[in-house]
Protein backbone atom coordinates (compact mmCIF):
# COMPACT_ATOMS: atom_id res chain seq x y z
CA UNK A 1 -17.04 68.46 51.57
CA UNK A 2 -16.29 65.33 49.71
CA UNK A 3 -18.58 63.49 47.38
CA UNK A 4 -19.83 60.19 48.62
CA UNK A 5 -17.64 57.42 47.20
CA UNK A 6 -19.18 54.64 45.26
CA UNK A 7 -18.90 51.32 46.90
CA UNK A 8 -16.14 49.14 45.43
CA UNK A 9 -17.29 46.72 42.79
CA UNK A 10 -17.11 43.05 43.69
CA UNK A 11 -14.53 41.02 41.73
CA UNK A 12 -15.81 38.72 38.99
CA UNK A 13 -16.59 35.24 40.17
CA UNK A 14 -17.51 32.21 38.08
CA UNK A 15 -20.96 31.07 38.89
CA UNK A 16 -22.73 27.85 38.04
CA UNK A 17 -24.61 29.29 35.08
CA UNK A 18 -21.28 30.42 33.56
CA UNK A 19 -19.97 26.86 33.66
CA UNK A 20 -23.21 25.48 32.24
CA UNK A 21 -23.17 28.01 29.39
CA UNK A 22 -19.52 27.17 28.60
CA UNK A 23 -20.21 23.43 28.47
CA UNK A 24 -23.28 23.91 26.27
CA UNK A 25 -21.36 26.27 23.97
CA UNK A 26 -18.43 23.82 23.69
CA UNK A 27 -20.64 20.89 22.74
CA UNK A 28 -22.68 23.07 20.37
CA UNK A 29 -19.47 23.95 18.48
CA UNK A 30 -18.30 20.31 18.39
CA UNK A 31 -21.68 19.05 17.16
CA UNK A 32 -21.87 21.84 14.58
CA UNK A 33 -18.41 21.10 13.16
CA UNK A 34 -19.11 17.33 13.10
CA UNK A 35 -22.40 17.96 11.32
CA UNK A 36 -20.67 20.15 8.73
CA UNK A 37 -18.00 17.50 8.09
CA UNK A 38 -20.61 14.73 7.79
CA UNK A 39 -22.63 16.79 5.34
CA UNK A 40 -19.57 17.56 3.20
CA UNK A 41 -18.46 13.91 3.23
CA UNK A 42 -21.91 12.67 2.31
CA UNK A 43 -22.30 15.13 -0.57
CA UNK A 44 -18.83 14.58 -2.09
CA UNK A 45 -18.37 10.79 -1.83
CA UNK A 46 -20.43 8.63 -4.20
CA UNK A 47 -20.18 5.60 -1.93
CA UNK A 48 -18.05 3.36 -4.13
CA UNK A 49 -14.30 2.96 -4.06
CA UNK A 50 -13.86 1.55 -7.57
CA UNK A 51 -15.46 2.71 -10.81
CA UNK A 52 -16.62 -0.85 -11.50
CA UNK A 53 -16.80 -2.55 -8.09
CA UNK A 54 -18.33 -5.83 -9.26
CA UNK A 55 -15.61 -6.42 -11.83
CA UNK A 56 -12.95 -5.43 -9.29
CA UNK A 57 -14.35 -8.04 -6.92
CA UNK A 58 -14.19 -10.71 -9.62
CA UNK A 59 -10.58 -9.84 -10.37
CA UNK A 60 -9.76 -9.95 -6.66
CA UNK A 61 -11.39 -13.37 -6.29
CA UNK A 62 -9.47 -14.67 -9.32
CA UNK A 63 -6.22 -13.41 -7.77
CA UNK A 64 -7.03 -15.19 -4.50
CA UNK A 65 -7.68 -18.40 -6.42
CA UNK A 66 -4.40 -18.03 -8.31
CA UNK A 67 -2.58 -17.61 -4.99
CA UNK A 68 -4.29 -20.74 -3.57
CA UNK A 69 -3.25 -22.81 -6.60
CA UNK A 70 0.28 -21.40 -6.48
CA UNK A 71 0.55 -22.25 -2.77
CA UNK A 72 -0.55 -25.83 -3.49
CA UNK A 73 2.22 -26.21 -6.08
CA UNK A 74 4.80 -25.22 -3.49
CA UNK A 75 7.26 -23.37 -5.72
CA UNK A 76 9.46 -20.77 -4.00
CA UNK A 77 11.37 -17.82 -5.40
CA UNK A 78 14.30 -15.79 -4.08
CA UNK A 79 15.28 -12.55 -5.79
CA UNK A 80 18.60 -10.81 -5.50
CA UNK A 81 19.70 -7.37 -6.65
CA UNK A 82 23.22 -7.42 -8.09
CA UNK A 83 24.99 -4.54 -9.81
CA UNK A 84 23.47 -4.29 -13.29
CA UNK A 85 21.48 -7.53 -12.92
CA UNK A 86 18.56 -9.34 -11.31
CA UNK A 87 19.04 -12.90 -10.09
CA UNK A 88 16.07 -15.21 -9.45
CA UNK A 89 16.38 -18.59 -7.75
CA UNK A 90 13.40 -20.92 -8.27
CA UNK A 91 12.89 -24.05 -6.20
CA UNK A 92 10.13 -26.64 -5.95
CA UNK A 93 8.42 -27.91 -2.79
CA UNK A 94 11.40 -30.21 -2.01
CA UNK A 95 14.02 -27.50 -2.55
CA UNK A 96 15.12 -28.85 -5.93
CA UNK A 97 15.92 -26.28 -8.64
CA UNK A 98 13.27 -25.64 -11.27
CA UNK A 99 14.84 -25.96 -14.72
CA UNK A 100 13.78 -25.00 -18.20
CA UNK A 101 11.25 -22.31 -17.28
CA UNK A 102 10.43 -19.20 -19.26
CA UNK A 103 11.05 -16.37 -16.78
CA UNK A 104 10.47 -12.63 -17.10
CA UNK A 105 10.96 -9.90 -14.52
CA UNK A 106 9.12 -6.59 -14.59
CA UNK A 107 10.88 -3.79 -12.70
CA UNK A 108 9.00 -0.67 -11.70
CA UNK A 109 9.39 2.13 -9.23
CA UNK A 110 7.10 1.96 -6.20
CA UNK A 111 5.67 5.45 -6.72
CA UNK A 112 5.83 6.06 -10.47
CA UNK A 113 5.62 4.35 -13.85
CA UNK A 114 8.83 6.04 -14.97
CA UNK A 115 11.67 3.64 -15.76
CA UNK A 116 9.47 0.55 -16.01
CA UNK A 117 11.24 -2.27 -17.80
CA UNK A 118 10.64 -5.92 -18.61
CA UNK A 119 13.60 -8.30 -18.56
CA UNK A 120 13.70 -11.75 -20.12
CA UNK A 121 15.76 -13.90 -17.78
CA UNK A 122 17.98 -16.72 -18.92
CA UNK A 123 18.94 -19.81 -16.93
CA UNK A 124 22.58 -19.45 -15.86
CA UNK A 125 22.66 -22.44 -13.47
CA UNK A 126 20.07 -25.05 -12.47
CA UNK A 127 17.16 -23.07 -11.06
CA UNK A 128 19.01 -19.74 -11.30
CA UNK A 129 17.80 -17.17 -13.80
CA UNK A 130 19.55 -13.90 -14.55
CA UNK A 131 18.76 -10.75 -16.50
CA UNK A 132 20.96 -7.72 -17.10
CA UNK A 133 19.79 -4.14 -16.70
CA UNK A 134 22.34 -1.35 -16.45
CA UNK A 135 21.87 1.80 -14.43
CA UNK A 136 19.73 0.46 -11.60
CA UNK A 137 19.82 2.39 -8.36
CA UNK A 138 17.41 2.86 -5.50
CA UNK A 139 14.26 0.91 -4.70
CA UNK A 140 12.39 -1.11 -7.32
CA UNK A 141 9.41 -3.47 -7.20
CA UNK A 142 10.07 -6.69 -9.11
CA UNK A 143 7.37 -9.01 -10.43
CA UNK A 144 8.68 -12.33 -11.67
CA UNK A 145 6.53 -14.43 -14.00
CA UNK A 146 7.66 -18.01 -14.58
CA UNK A 147 5.89 -20.47 -16.85
CA UNK A 148 6.70 -24.08 -17.48
CA UNK A 149 5.38 -27.45 -16.51
CA UNK A 150 1.87 -26.27 -17.34
CA UNK A 151 1.63 -23.94 -14.36
CA UNK A 152 2.21 -20.18 -14.13
CA UNK A 153 4.08 -18.80 -11.12
CA UNK A 154 4.25 -15.18 -9.92
CA UNK A 155 6.50 -13.72 -7.23
CA UNK A 156 6.68 -10.09 -6.17
CA UNK A 157 9.51 -8.61 -4.16
CA UNK A 158 11.01 -5.19 -3.41
CA UNK A 159 14.66 -4.90 -4.37
CA UNK A 160 17.19 -2.21 -3.51
CA UNK A 161 20.27 -1.26 -5.50
CA UNK A 162 22.95 1.06 -4.07
């Protein structure tokens, strides 16, 4: 005689409560992780982006005013990277060369203070100022300061040497 066989077990099927539980679990995990991130962000950030935000705002407003005044003057600058030199061409609103200015160029690397140098440029032609600096290669940020005629002028450009 044979033992009675157990009836075969029905295969697993996804029911509605399975789907509901999965959706609830998914959103519970998302909300939990978001809550944890918000809590960490709130506890670790003091809420200010500058150590002295009021003073930083004043400096920013002064820079905007300087740019407005400089735009009204209409001076234009073109910078050129030549082997072992920096060339600056300064023109007025009408395209005439600006002569007799005191011009300096500050060269610095975009990502580091290493190699920073200040060049005093001399006028080599009407409106053309040149300064020598040996050993330049790669990318440099140049800030040109020109004074003369009672008005300061600043131009910033990125230059590349081979």
